[in-house]
Structure formats: structure tokens, C-alpha cells
C-alpha atoms as a PDB file:
ATOM      1  CA  UNK A   1      20.543 -24.889  11.406  1.00  0.00           C
ATOM      2  CA  UNK A   2      18.180 -23.288   8.915  1.00  0.00           C
ATOM      3  CA  UNK A   3      20.985 -21.391   7.175  1.00  0.00           C
ATOM      4  CA  UNK A   4      22.976 -24.595   6.684  1.00  0.00           C
ATOM      5  CA  UNK A   5      19.973 -26.377   5.210  1.00  0.00           C
ATOM      6  CA  UNK A   6      19.321 -23.382   2.929  1.00  0.00           C
ATOM      7  CA  UNK A   7      22.896 -23.537   1.684  1.00  0.00           C
ATOM      8  CA  UNK A   8      22.600 -27.262   1.025  1.00  0.00           C
ATOM      9  CA  UNK A   9      19.342 -26.833  -0.870  1.00  0.00           C
ATOM     10  CA  UNK A  10      20.752 -23.945  -2.885  1.00  0.00           C
ATOM     11  CA  UNK A  11      23.811 -25.987  -3.805  1.00  0.00           C
ATOM     12  CA  UNK A  12      21.611 -28.899  -4.847  1.00  0.00           C
ATOM     13  CA  UNK A  13      19.524 -26.521  -6.934  1.00  0.00           C
ATOM     14  CA  UNK A  14      22.609 -25.223  -8.747  1.00  0.00           C
ATOM     15  CA  UNK A  15      23.619 -28.752  -9.603  1.00  0.00           C
ATOM     16  CA  UNK A  16      20.197 -29.555 -11.032  1.00  0.00           C
ATOM     17  CA  UNK A  17      19.668 -26.341 -13.018  1.00  0.00           C
ATOM     18  CA  UNK A  18      21.256 -26.179 -16.432  1.00  0.00           C
ATOM     19  CA  UNK A  19      22.201 -22.519 -17.121  1.00  0.00           C
ATOM     20  CA  UNK A  20      21.102 -22.750 -20.731  1.00  0.00           C
ATOM     21  CA  UNK A  21      17.729 -24.157 -19.729  1.00  0.00           C
ATOM     22  CA  UNK A  22      17.364 -21.504 -17.034  1.00  0.00           C
ATOM     23  CA  UNK A  23      18.056 -18.752 -19.559  1.00  0.00           C
ATOM     24  CA  UNK A  24      15.606 -20.285 -22.012  1.00  0.00           C
ATOM     25  CA  UNK A  25      12.868 -20.287 -19.364  1.00  0.00           C
ATOM     26  CA  UNK A  26      13.671 -16.722 -18.374  1.00  0.00           C
ATOM     27  CA  UNK A  27      13.456 -15.578 -21.989  1.00  0.00           C
ATOM     28  CA  UNK A  28      10.120 -17.352 -22.294  1.00  0.00           C
ATOM     29  CA  UNK A  29       8.787 -15.722 -19.125  1.00  0.00           C
ATOM     30  CA  UNK A  30       9.917 -12.269 -20.213  1.00  0.00           C
ATOM     31  CA  UNK A  31       8.332 -12.838 -23.619  1.00  0.00           C
ATOM     32  CA  UNK A  32       5.015 -13.696 -21.951  1.00  0.00           C
ATOM     33  CA  UNK A  33       5.209 -10.590 -19.785  1.00  0.00           C
ATOM     34  CA  UNK A  34       5.967  -8.329 -22.735  1.00  0.00           C
ATOM     35  CA  UNK A  35       3.083  -9.862 -24.696  1.00  0.00           C
ATOM     36  CA  UNK A  36       0.698  -8.599 -22.013  1.00  0.00           C
ATOM     37  CA  UNK A  37       1.284  -5.063 -23.283  1.00  0.00           C
ATOM     38  CA  UNK A  38       1.487  -3.588 -19.784  1.00  0.00           C
ATOM     39  CA  UNK A  39       4.101  -0.953 -20.531  1.00  0.00           C
ATOM     40  CA  UNK A  40       3.787   2.656 -21.507  1.00  0.00           C
ATOM     41  CA  UNK A  41       0.972   3.714 -19.177  1.00  0.00           C
ATOM     42  CA  UNK A  42       1.110   7.469 -18.685  1.00  0.00           C
ATOM     43  CA  UNK A  43      -0.863  10.202 -16.961  1.00  0.00           C
ATOM     44  CA  UNK A  44      -0.617  13.992 -17.028  1.00  0.00           C
ATOM     45  CA  UNK A  45       0.372  15.243 -13.547  1.00  0.00           C
ATOM     46  CA  UNK A  46      -0.017  18.775 -14.833  1.00  0.00           C
ATOM     47  CA  UNK A  47      -3.796  18.387 -14.622  1.00  0.00           C
ATOM     48  CA  UNK A  48      -3.476  18.471 -10.831  1.00  0.00           C
ATOM     49  CA  UNK A  49      -3.010  16.015  -7.977  1.00  0.00           C
ATOM     50  CA  UNK A  50      -6.749  15.483  -7.578  1.00  0.00           C
ATOM     51  CA  UNK A  51      -7.005  14.095 -11.119  1.00  0.00           C
ATOM     52  CA  UNK A  52      -4.157  11.601 -10.847  1.00  0.00           C
ATOM     53  CA  UNK A  53      -6.051   8.721  -9.173  1.00  0.00           C
ATOM     54  CA  UNK A  54      -8.758   8.673 -11.843  1.00  0.00           C
ATOM     55  CA  UNK A  55      -6.178   9.002 -14.593  1.00  0.00           C
ATOM     56  CA  UNK A  56      -4.359   6.009 -13.113  1.00  0.00           C
ATOM     57  CA  UNK A  57      -7.606   4.018 -12.911  1.00  0.00           C
ATOM     58  CA  UNK A  58      -8.183   4.765 -16.566  1.00  0.00           C
ATOM     59  CA  UNK A  59      -4.815   3.198 -17.406  1.00  0.00           C
ATOM     60  CA  UNK A  60      -5.324   0.113 -15.188  1.00  0.00           C
ATOM     61  CA  UNK A  61      -5.241  -2.370 -18.070  1.00  0.00           C
ATOM     62  CA  UNK A  62      -1.820  -1.061 -19.196  1.00  0.00           C
ATOM     63  CA  UNK A  63      -0.031  -0.759 -15.867  1.00  0.00           C
ATOM     64  CA  UNK A  64       2.699  -3.286 -15.134  1.00  0.00           C
ATOM     65  CA  UNK A  65       6.076  -3.610 -13.421  1.00  0.00           C
ATOM     66  CA  UNK A  66       8.939  -1.537 -14.800  1.00  0.00           C
ATOM     67  CA  UNK A  67      11.159  -4.623 -15.111  1.00  0.00           C
ATOM     68  CA  UNK A  68       9.802  -7.622 -17.068  1.00  0.00           C
ATOM     69  CA  UNK A  69      12.087  -9.915 -15.057  1.00  0.00           C
ATOM     70  CA  UNK A  70      10.651  -8.563 -11.805  1.00  0.00           C
ATOM     71  CA  UNK A  71       7.142  -8.927 -13.213  1.00  0.00           C
ATOM     72  CA  UNK A  72       7.731 -12.599 -13.946  1.00  0.00           C
ATOM     73  CA  UNK A  73       9.349 -13.329 -10.580  1.00  0.00           C
ATOM     74  CA  UNK A  74       6.702 -11.511  -8.554  1.00  0.00           C
ATOM     75  CA  UNK A  75       3.851 -13.118 -10.492  1.00  0.00           C
ATOM     76  CA  UNK A  76       5.215 -16.593  -9.826  1.00  0.00           C
ATOM     77  CA  UNK A  77       5.798 -15.843  -6.146  1.00  0.00           C
ATOM     78  CA  UNK A  78       2.609 -13.965  -5.256  1.00  0.00           C
ATOM     79  CA  UNK A  79      -0.056 -15.610  -7.444  1.00  0.00           C
ATOM     80  CA  UNK A  80      -0.897 -17.815  -4.443  1.00  0.00           C
ATOM     81  CA  UNK A  81      -2.065 -14.781  -2.494  1.00  0.00           C
ATOM     82  CA  UNK A  82      -5.010 -14.490  -4.870  1.00  0.00           C
ATOM     83  CA  UNK A  83      -8.230 -16.482  -4.463  1.00  0.00           C
ATOM     84  CA  UNK A  84      -8.301 -19.621  -6.574  1.00  0.00           C
ATOM     85  CA  UNK A  85     -11.077 -18.089  -8.684  1.00  0.00           C
ATOM     86  CA  UNK A  86      -8.690 -15.344  -9.872  1.00  0.00           C
ATOM     87  CA  UNK A  87      -5.630 -17.487 -10.594  1.00  0.00           C
ATOM     88  CA  UNK A  88      -6.644 -18.939 -13.933  1.00  0.00           C
ATOM     89  CA  UNK A  89      -5.678 -22.409 -15.081  1.00  0.00           C
ATOM     90  CA  UNK A  90      -2.495 -21.830 -17.079  1.00  0.00           C
ATOM     91  CA  UNK A  91       0.350 -19.350 -16.896  1.00  0.00           C
ATOM     92  CA  UNK A  92       0.146 -17.134 -13.795  1.00  0.00           C
ATOM     93  CA  UNK A  93       1.222 -13.988 -15.635  1.00  0.00           C
ATOM     94  CA  UNK A  94      -2.084 -12.935 -17.292  1.00  0.00           C
ATOM     95  CA  UNK A  95      -4.363 -13.616 -14.283  1.00  0.00           C
ATOM     96  CA  UNK A  96      -1.963 -12.007 -11.821  1.00  0.00           C
ATOM     97  CA  UNK A  97      -1.740  -8.806 -13.841  1.00  0.00           C
ATOM     98  CA  UNK A  98      -5.465  -8.835 -14.597  1.00  0.00           C
ATOM     99  CA  UNK A  99      -6.210  -9.024 -10.874  1.00  0.00           C
ATOM    100  CA  UNK A 100      -3.793  -6.159 -10.234  1.00  0.00           C
ATOM    101  CA  UNK A 101      -5.495  -4.079 -12.913  1.00  0.00           C
ATOM    102  CA  UNK A 102      -8.891  -4.827 -11.445  1.00  0.00           C
ATOM    103  CA  UNK A 103      -7.671  -3.710  -8.026  1.00  0.00           C
ATOM    104  CA  UNK A 104      -6.437  -0.422  -9.485  1.00  0.00           C
ATOM    105  CA  UNK A 105      -9.620   0.150 -11.474  1.00  0.00           C
ATOM    106  CA  UNK A 106     -12.159  -0.894  -8.838  1.00  0.00           C
ATOM    107  CA  UNK A 107     -10.362  -0.763  -5.504  1.00  0.00           C
ATOM    108  CA  UNK A 108     -10.542   1.897  -2.826  1.00  0.00           C
ATOM    109  CA  UNK A 109      -7.795   4.510  -2.885  1.00  0.00           C
ATOM    110  CA  UNK A 110      -6.069   4.068   0.494  1.00  0.00           C
ATOM    111  CA  UNK A 111      -3.095   6.393   0.048  1.00  0.00           C
ATOM    112  CA  UNK A 112      -1.889   9.107  -2.336  1.00  0.00           C
ATOM    113  CA  UNK A 113       1.432  10.678  -1.400  1.00  0.00           C
ATOM    114  CA  UNK A 114       4.172  12.635  -3.157  1.00  0.00           C
ATOM    115  CA  UNK A 115       7.869  12.662  -2.302  1.00  0.00           C
ATOM    116  CA  UNK A 116      10.691  14.125  -4.391  1.00  0.00           C
ATOM    117  CA  UNK A 117       8.388  14.371  -7.391  1.00  0.00           C
ATOM    118  CA  UNK A 118       7.312  10.707  -7.202  1.00  0.00           C
ATOM    119  CA  UNK A 119       3.652   9.998  -6.510  1.00  0.00           C
ATOM    120  CA  UNK A 120       2.650   6.774  -4.807  1.00  0.00           C
ATOM    121  CA  UNK A 121      -0.914   5.499  -4.875  1.00  0.00           C
ATOM    122  CA  UNK A 122      -2.229   2.475  -3.003  1.00  0.00           C
ATOM    123  CA  UNK A 123      -5.468   0.757  -3.979  1.00  0.00           C
ATOM    124  CA  UNK A 124      -7.181  -2.048  -2.065  1.00  0.00           C
ATOM    125  CA  UNK A 125     -10.170  -4.261  -2.792  1.00  0.00           C
ATOM    126  CA  UNK A 126     -11.832  -7.173  -1.051  1.00  0.00           C
ATOM    127  CA  UNK A 127     -12.212 -10.463  -2.933  1.00  0.00           C
ATOM    128  CA  UNK A 128     -14.237 -13.551  -1.960  1.00  0.00           C
ATOM    129  CA  UNK A 129     -12.287 -16.724  -1.250  1.00  0.00           C
ATOM    130  CA  UNK A 130     -14.725 -19.381   0.016  1.00  0.00           C
ATOM    131  CA  UNK A 131     -16.967 -20.308   2.941  1.00  0.00           C
ATOM    132  CA  UNK A 132     -17.538 -16.766   4.136  1.00  0.00           C
ATOM    133  CA  UNK A 133     -13.860 -15.823   3.756  1.00  0.00           C
ATOM    134  CA  UNK A 134     -12.642 -12.692   1.997  1.00  0.00           C
ATOM    135  CA  UNK A 135      -9.122 -11.450   1.333  1.00  0.00           C
ATOM    136  CA  UNK A 136      -7.768  -7.907   1.027  1.00  0.00           C
ATOM    137  CA  UNK A 137      -5.664  -7.338  -2.092  1.00  0.00           C
ATOM    138  CA  UNK A 138      -3.457  -4.292  -2.543  1.00  0.00           C
ATOM    139  CA  UNK A 139      -1.881  -2.696  -5.602  1.00  0.00           C
ATOM    140  CA  UNK A 140       0.819  -0.072  -5.022  1.00  0.00           C
ATOM    141  CA  UNK A 141       1.430   2.208  -8.007  1.00  0.00           C
ATOM    142  CA  UNK A 142       4.257   4.675  -8.684  1.00  0.00           C
ATOM    143  CA  UNK A 143       3.836   7.750 -10.907  1.00  0.00           C
ATOM    144  CA  UNK A 144       7.115   9.372 -11.952  1.00  0.00           C
ATOM    145  CA  UNK A 145       7.628  13.074 -12.578  1.00  0.00           C
ATOM    146  CA  UNK A 146       7.166  12.616 -16.343  1.00  0.00           C
ATOM    147  CA  UNK A 147       3.829  10.824 -15.819  1.00  0.00           C
ATOM    148  CA  UNK A 148       4.986   7.232 -16.356  1.00  0.00           C
ATOM    149  CA  UNK A 149       2.972   4.783 -14.263  1.00  0.00           C
ATOM    150  CA  UNK A 150       4.393   1.538 -12.862  1.00  0.00           C
ATOM    151  CA  UNK A 151       3.143  -1.214 -10.596  1.00  0.00           C
ATOM    152  CA  UNK A 152       5.381  -1.606  -7.537  1.00  0.00           C
ATOM    153  CA  UNK A 153       3.607  -4.463  -5.744  1.00  0.00           C
ATOM    154  CA  UNK A 154       0.409  -6.490  -5.764  1.00  0.00           C
ATOM    155  CA  UNK A 155      -1.025  -9.099  -3.405  1.00  0.00           C
ATOM    156  CA  UNK A 156      -1.562  -9.122   0.342  1.00  0.00           C
ATOM    157  CA  UNK A 157      -1.261  -5.590   1.783  1.00  0.00           C
ATOM    158  CA  UNK A 158       2.326  -4.428   2.219  1.00  0.00           C
ATOM    159  CA  UNK A 159       1.983  -0.630   2.098  1.00  0.00           C
ATOM    160  CA  UNK A 160      -1.240   0.139   3.994  1.00  0.00           C
ATOM    161  CA  UNK A 161      -1.206  -2.766   6.409  1.00  0.00           C
ATOM    162  CA  UNK A 162      -3.588  -1.667   9.163  1.00  0.00           C
ATOM    163  CA  UNK A 163      -6.350  -3.866   7.727  1.00  0.00           C
ATOM    164  CA  UNK A 164      -7.368  -7.497   8.174  1.00  0.00           C
ATOM    165  CA  UNK A 165      -5.820  -9.558   5.387  1.00  0.00           C
ATOM    166  CA  UNK A 166      -8.457 -12.290   5.667  1.00  0.00           C
ATOM    167  CA  UNK A 167     -11.892 -11.903   7.197  1.00  0.00           C
ATOM    168  CA  UNK A 168     -13.457 -15.142   8.394  1.00  0.00           C
ATOM    169  CA  UNK A 169     -17.252 -15.103   8.652  1.00  0.00           C
ATOM    170  CA  UNK A 170     -18.143 -18.783   8.493  1.00  0.00           C
ATOM    171  CA  UNK A 171     -18.375 -21.771  10.802  1.00  0.00           C
ATOM    172  CA  UNK A 172     -15.943 -24.502  11.725  1.00  0.00           C
ATOM    173  CA  UNK A 173     -18.174 -27.085  10.071  1.00  0.00           C
ATOM    174  CA  UNK A 174     -18.286 -25.011   6.914  1.00  0.00           C
ATOM    175  CA  UNK A 175     -14.527 -24.547   6.784  1.00  0.00           C
ATOM    176  CA  UNK A 176     -13.948 -28.259   7.369  1.00  0.00           C
ATOM    177  CA  UNK A 177     -16.371 -29.139   4.577  1.00  0.00           C
ATOM    178  CA  UNK A 178     -14.628 -26.663   2.261  1.00  0.00           C
ATOM    179  CA  UNK A 179     -11.214 -28.154   3.059  1.00  0.00           C
ATOM    180  CA  UNK A 180     -12.430 -31.678   2.375  1.00  0.00           C
ATOM    181  CA  UNK A 181     -14.316 -30.747  -0.777  1.00  0.00           C
ATOM    182  CA  UNK A 182     -11.472 -28.595  -2.037  1.00  0.00           C
ATOM    183  CA  UNK A 183      -8.925 -31.379  -1.674  1.00  0.00           C
ATOM    184  CA  UNK A 184     -11.278 -33.768  -3.427  1.00  0.00           C
ATOM    185  CA  UNK A 185     -11.780 -31.302  -6.289  1.00  0.00           C
ATOM    186  CA  UNK A 186      -8.076 -30.607  -6.709  1.00  0.00           C
ATOM    187  CA  UNK A 187      -7.947 -27.176  -5.088  1.00  0.00           C
ATOM    188  CA  UNK A 188      -4.536 -25.548  -4.661  1.00  0.00           C
ATOM    189  CA  UNK A 189      -3.146 -27.128  -1.491  1.00  0.00           C
ATOM    190  CA  UNK A 190      -2.476 -23.777   0.181  1.00  0.00           C
ATOM    191  CA  UNK A 191      -6.142 -22.780  -0.170  1.00  0.00           C
ATOM    192  CA  UNK A 192      -7.224 -26.039   1.456  1.00  0.00           C
ATOM    193  CA  UNK A 193      -4.743 -25.290   4.249  1.00  0.00           C
ATOM    194  CA  UNK A 194      -6.306 -21.845   4.658  1.00  0.00           C
ATOM    195  CA  UNK A 195      -9.569 -23.642   5.403  1.00  0.00           C
ATOM    196  CA  UNK A 196      -7.753 -25.913   7.859  1.00  0.00           C
ATOM    197  CA  UNK A 197      -6.372 -22.834   9.610  1.00  0.00           C
ATOM    198  CA  UNK A 198      -9.863 -21.322   9.758  1.00  0.00           C
ATOM    199  CA  UNK A 199     -11.207 -24.365  11.624  1.00  0.00           C
ATOM    200  CA  UNK A 200      -8.861 -23.480  14.489  1.00  0.00           C
ATOM    201  CA  UNK A 201     -10.098 -19.917  15.032  1.00  0.00           C
ATOM    202  CA  UNK A 202     -11.567 -20.189  18.498  1.00  0.00           C
ATOM    203  CA  UNK A 203     -14.458 -22.510  17.728  1.00  0.00           C
ATOM    204  CA  UNK A 204     -15.654 -25.089  20.296  1.00  0.00           C
ATOM    205  CA  UNK A 205     -13.961 -28.436  19.803  1.00  0.00           C
ATOM    206  CA  UNK A 206     -17.075 -30.168  18.498  1.00  0.00           C
ATOM    207  CA  UNK A 207     -16.151 -31.028  14.903  1.00  0.00           C
ATOM    208  CA  UNK A 208     -17.504 -34.429  13.908  1.00  0.00           C
ATOM    209  CA  UNK A 209     -15.007 -37.271  14.064  1.00  0.00           C
ATOM    210  CA  UNK A 210     -15.976 -38.439  10.585  1.00  0.00           C
ATOM    211  CA  UNK A 211     -15.003 -35.116   9.033  1.00  0.00           C
ATOM    212  CA  UNK A 212     -11.838 -34.938  11.091  1.00  0.00           C
ATOM    213  CA  UNK A 213     -10.793 -38.404   9.948  1.00  0.00           C
ATOM    214  CA  UNK A 214     -11.698 -37.720   6.330  1.00  0.00           C
ATOM    215  CA  UNK A 215      -9.561 -34.584   6.238  1.00  0.00           C
ATOM    216  CA  UNK A 216      -6.646 -36.372   7.886  1.00  0.00           C
ATOM    217  CA  UNK A 217      -6.834 -39.161   5.310  1.00  0.00           C
ATOM    218  CA  UNK A 218      -6.960 -36.713   2.404  1.00  0.00           C
ATOM    219  CA  UNK A 219      -3.883 -34.874   3.705  1.00  0.00           C
ATOM    220  CA  UNK A 220      -2.000 -38.101   4.436  1.00  0.00           C
ATOM    221  CA  UNK A 221      -2.683 -39.227   0.856  1.00  0.00           C
ATOM    222  CA  UNK A 222      -0.810 -36.128  -0.364  1.00  0.00           C
ATOM    223  CA  UNK A 223       2.502 -36.306   1.523  1.00  0.00           C
ATOM    224  CA  UNK A 224       4.427 -34.474  -1.169  1.00  0.00           C
ATOM    225  CA  UNK A 225       2.027 -31.537  -1.038  1.00  0.00           C
ATOM    226  CA  UNK A 226       2.316 -31.289   2.742  1.00  0.00           C
ATOM    227  CA  UNK A 227       6.121 -31.501   2.640  1.00  0.00           C
ATOM    228  CA  UNK A 228       6.154 -28.780  -0.015  1.00  0.00           C
ATOM    229  CA  UNK A 229       3.829 -26.631   2.112  1.00  0.00           C
ATOM    230  CA  UNK A 230       6.213 -26.869   5.057  1.00  0.00           C
ATOM    231  CA  UNK A 231       9.012 -25.853   2.680  1.00  0.00           C
ATOM    232  CA  UNK A 232       6.952 -22.869   1.536  1.00  0.00           C
ATOM    233  CA  UNK A 233       6.437 -21.908   5.174  1.00  0.00           C
ATOM    234  CA  UNK A 234      10.206 -21.786   5.608  1.00  0.00           C
ATOM    235  CA  UNK A 235      10.554 -19.736   2.427  1.00  0.00           C
ATOM    236  CA  UNK A 236       8.030 -17.240   3.801  1.00  0.00           C
ATOM    237  CA  UNK A 237       9.935 -17.153   7.094  1.00  0.00           C
ATOM    238  CA  UNK A 238      13.238 -16.458   5.365  1.00  0.00           C
ATOM    239  CA  UNK A 239      11.691 -13.651   3.303  1.00  0.00           C
ATOM    240  CA  UNK A 240       9.819 -11.729   6.026  1.00  0.00           C
ATOM    241  CA  UNK A 241      12.176  -8.743   5.825  1.00  0.00           C
ATOM    242  CA  UNK A 242      11.313  -8.256   2.158  1.00  0.00           C
ATOM    243  CA  UNK A 243       7.755  -9.577   1.964  1.00  0.00           C
ATOM    244  CA  UNK A 244       6.274  -8.985   5.411  1.00  0.00           C
ATOM    245  CA  UNK A 245       5.407 -11.352   8.237  1.00  0.00           C
ATOM    246  CA  UNK A 246       1.836 -12.261   7.399  1.00  0.00           C
ATOM    247  CA  UNK A 247       2.475 -15.166   5.033  1.00  0.00           C
ATOM    248  CA  UNK A 248       5.034 -16.768   7.323  1.00  0.00           C
ATOM    249  CA  UNK A 249       2.690 -16.587  10.320  1.00  0.00           C
ATOM    250  CA  UNK A 250      -0.316 -17.824   8.351  1.00  0.00           C
ATOM    251  CA  UNK A 251       1.490 -20.861   6.933  1.00  0.00           C
ATOM    252  CA  UNK A 252       2.977 -21.753  10.311  1.00  0.00           C
ATOM    253  CA  UNK A 253      -0.414 -21.510  12.021  1.00  0.00           C
ATOM    254  CA  UNK A 254      -2.073 -23.673   9.375  1.00  0.00           C
ATOM    255  CA  UNK A 255       0.573 -26.346   9.983  1.00  0.00           C
ATOM    256  CA  UNK A 256       0.015 -26.132  13.731  1.00  0.00           C
ATOM    257  CA  UNK A 257      -3.780 -26.470  13.438  1.00  0.00           C
ATOM    258  CA  UNK A 258      -3.389 -29.410  11.065  1.00  0.00           C
ATOM    259  CA  UNK A 259      -0.975 -31.226  13.354  1.00  0.00           C
ATOM    260  CA  UNK A 260      -2.809 -30.508  16.613  1.00  0.00           C
ATOM    261  CA  UNK A 261      -6.401 -30.999  15.494  1.00  0.00           C
ATOM    262  CA  UNK A 262      -6.207 -33.558  12.693  1.00  0.00           C
ATOM    263  CA  UNK A 263      -2.971 -35.496  12.235  1.00  0.00           C
ATOM    264  CA  UNK A 264      -1.564 -35.688  15.754  1.00  0.00           C
ATOM    265  CA  UNK A 265       1.639 -37.658  16.067  1.00  0.00           C
ATOM    266  CA  UNK A 266       0.960 -39.231  12.650  1.00  0.00           C
ATOM    267  CA  UNK A 267       2.103 -35.922  11.124  1.00  0.00           C
ATOM    268  CA  UNK A 268       5.710 -36.868  11.745  1.00  0.00           C
ATOM    269  CA  UNK A 269       5.418 -39.999   9.672  1.00  0.00           C
ATOM    270  CA  UNK A 270       4.949 -37.607   6.744  1.00  0.00           C
ATOM    271  CA  UNK A 271       6.906 -34.484   7.737  1.00  0.00           C
ATOM    272  CA  UNK A 272      10.337 -34.378   9.340  1.00  0.00           C
ATOM    273  CA  UNK A 273      10.035 -32.627  12.707  1.00  0.00           C
ATOM    274  CA  UNK A 274      13.405 -30.996  12.026  1.00  0.00           C
ATOM    275  CA  UNK A 275      11.860 -29.185   9.035  1.00  0.00           C
ATOM    276  CA  UNK A 276       9.193 -27.637  11.269  1.00  0.00           C
ATOM    277  CA  UNK A 277      11.851 -26.736  13.831  1.00  0.00           C
ATOM    278  CA  UNK A 278      13.773 -24.985  11.043  1.00  0.00           C
ATOM    279  CA  UNK A 279      10.707 -22.853  10.284  1.00  0.00           C
ATOM    280  CA  UNK A 280      10.414 -21.894  13.944  1.00  0.00           C
ATOM    281  CA  UNK A 281      14.109 -21.092  14.208  1.00  0.00           C
ATOM    282  CA  UNK A 282      13.900 -18.878  11.144  1.00  0.00           C
ATOM    283  CA  UNK A 283      10.828 -17.108  12.542  1.00  0.00           C
ATOM    284  CA  UNK A 284      12.591 -16.393  15.826  1.00  0.00           C
ATOM    285  CA  UNK A 285      15.550 -14.913  13.955  1.00  0.00           C
ATOM    286  CA  UNK A 286      13.721 -13.028  11.199  1.00  0.00           C
ATOM    287  CA  UNK A 287      10.543 -11.631  12.735  1.00  0.00           C
ATOM    288  CA  UNK A 288      12.229  -9.225  15.187  1.00  0.00           C
ATOM    289  CA  UNK A 289      14.215  -7.738  12.298  1.00  0.00           C
ATOM    290  CA  UNK A 290      11.195  -7.320   9.990  1.00  0.00           C
ATOM    291  CA  UNK A 291       8.616  -4.547   9.880  1.00  0.00           C
ATOM    292  CA  UNK A 292       6.052  -4.947  12.635  1.00  0.00           C
ATOM    293  CA  UNK A 293       2.825  -6.703  11.658  1.00  0.00           C
ATOM    294  CA  UNK A 294      -0.340  -4.736  12.362  1.00  0.00           C
ATOM    295  CA  UNK A 295      -2.385  -6.413  15.128  1.00  0.00           C
ATOM    296  CA  UNK A 296      -5.423  -5.994  12.868  1.00  0.00           C
ATOM    297  CA  UNK A 297      -3.849  -8.474  10.456  1.00  0.00           C
ATOM    298  CA  UNK A 298      -4.010 -11.233  13.098  1.00  0.00           C
ATOM    299  CA  UNK A 299      -7.245 -13.183  12.528  1.00  0.00           C
ATOM    300  CA  UNK A 300      -9.512 -13.047  15.611  1.00  0.00           C
ATOM    301  CA  UNK A 301      -9.549 -16.380  17.400  1.00  0.00           C
ATOM    302  CA  UNK A 302      -5.990 -17.299  16.441  1.00  0.00           C
ATOM    303  CA  UNK A 303      -4.761 -19.600  19.241  1.00  0.00           C
ATOM    304  CA  UNK A 304      -2.729 -17.687  21.807  1.00  0.00           C
ATOM    305  CA  UNK A 305       0.039 -20.283  21.804  1.00  0.00           C
ATOM    306  CA  UNK A 306       0.818 -19.458  18.162  1.00  0.00           C
ATOM    307  CA  UNK A 307       3.649 -17.273  19.419  1.00  0.00           C
ATOM    308  CA  UNK A 308       4.878 -16.172  15.972  1.00  0.00           C
ATOM    309  CA  UNK A 309       1.973 -13.719  15.570  1.00  0.00           C
ATOM    310  CA  UNK A 310       2.795 -12.030  18.868  1.00  0.00           C
ATOM    311  CA  UNK A 311       6.453 -11.811  17.910  1.00  0.00           C
ATOM    312  CA  UNK A 312       5.573 -10.369  14.489  1.00  0.00           C
ATOM    313  CA  UNK A 313       3.247  -7.743  15.967  1.00  0.00           C
ATOM    314  CA  UNK A 314       5.577  -6.873  18.870  1.00  0.00           C
ATOM    315  CA  UNK A 315       2.767  -7.589  21.349  1.00  0.00           C
END
């Protein structure tokens, strides 16, 4: 059972983590967050509701999460939702917050609501990924009654979700070439897997055997990365109630396309089938209890037998 395996992994993690070392790392992370200077952003609500969005945009470089601990945790968890070109090469904290600020400053205002004196603004922008692929990024901002401005979330859309998360405008051959080239260049593994997923979006099955074999060999040469990716898929599945269903469905579909179209039965010489079954079990349990996924978030051409999307969208 997935819950039993989670308990075992958590117990193992507690045995490995030294509390003093964990506290030292947390203090270091919080110190990095505080050094960004993203606290103290303020606007003047008294100037009128219509002025608030532009006031917020003007403070974009100073807006951060209210809790430094939350800022560190969210940055580490959601940095992978950004295109590789926006992730930087070192600590995730500066590039994650810079991308959030850019979204606030340059993105389209999608929502501006007020409830009990709290204003909530949602900004979205489209960023290029690779090979004709773009991603929608969303920053949700909270303005308190005294004018303090805080970042509530940033990454794939969670507040205004009736939009495609990824738009795929390329070809299967192009996506396959990007996956191969990306793995060869040391791309983040999850971005290479996004390309793998894209090759399965309703294209005719005419990919060249040489490219198919080359991709399979590159993946097989990175067994640890693939095992970790399956683990991340389960993490997404466990967290759908808090973080939405999109990531869980995307990761699971990428695994399915990889196994069906490239690795075949050889996949299970690298990945334990039970681990994939655990992901599916968690999806069946968690998706019905999570917020419904907008059908517009499902990439056109997604194979119909990828049942997790239908379950997530209540179709």
C-alpha cells in the first residue's frame, strides 16, 4: 500500500536526518530568503481599488512570502515548474522569486477580488520552454487592509485554472530531438521528460527507430534519475489536495509515454513495477478528493487511456 510505503520512507528519513544538521540547513535557507529583501512591500489602498494593481506591479521586486520558512519550502518544491532558462544554476531562491516578481510586473491581471478587507490579485504570464512549448506561470498576491503585500503562491496556475498550463506547438520529431539533446546537455530530467510526454500527443507513430533507440539508451543510462522521477510522481499524487492535480497527471503521463513508446518491458529492469502501481493507487484515492482540474489544462492529444486526467477533471 502507498501509505505503508510512505510511512517506511518517512521513518527511514528520520533515521538519516540529524536534527542539528536539519536546523542548520533551515537557518541557512531562511538567511538566504531574508537576504533577498522581499519583505515590507506596501501599497496605499486608500487611493482606490483601480490603482492597486499598478501599485502592486511597482512593488514586484520587493514582494515575497510572509513566512521565510514557507518561502524556502515553496521555492524548493516549485522551482521545477519554471522553464530551465529561469531556474538559474545555483540556489533556487533568487531565481524563483525573480520569476515571481517578473510575473507580477509583466503578467496579465487575471483576477482582482476583495473579501473581508483582503484583496487578492492573480497575475499570469506565458514563458517559453523549448521546441514550440510554452508554460503558463501564475503569481497570486494578497494585499491586507493596512496595505501590506504578500506573495501567496507562484508556479503553475492554482487560482485561475481555466487555462492551458502547457501549450505544445511543435512536432514529434522536434520534441524527440529536444529530449535527446537535453539529456546529452545535462538538462533537468523532468524537462527532458516533458519532451518525452510531448512526443505522445496524438502524433502518427512514425518516429525514426534511431531516435527512439537513442532516447531509450540515454534514459537507461540514468536509472537513478528515472527512479527519482517515479518517486516525484508519487509525491505529486500524494499532494494533489494541496497543490492541484496537474503535476501528478503530467508526471504519470510522461512515465506512461516513456514506457509504452520507448522502453517497453525493459522499463521494469530499471523501475520497480510496484512503485508505478503505488502512484496509480494514490491517484485513484487522491484525485476524487482534490479540486477538479479544468479540462483546458489537459493537453490536446493526450492519450485517452491515460485515465488519471479524466478522473482529475471529473469527465
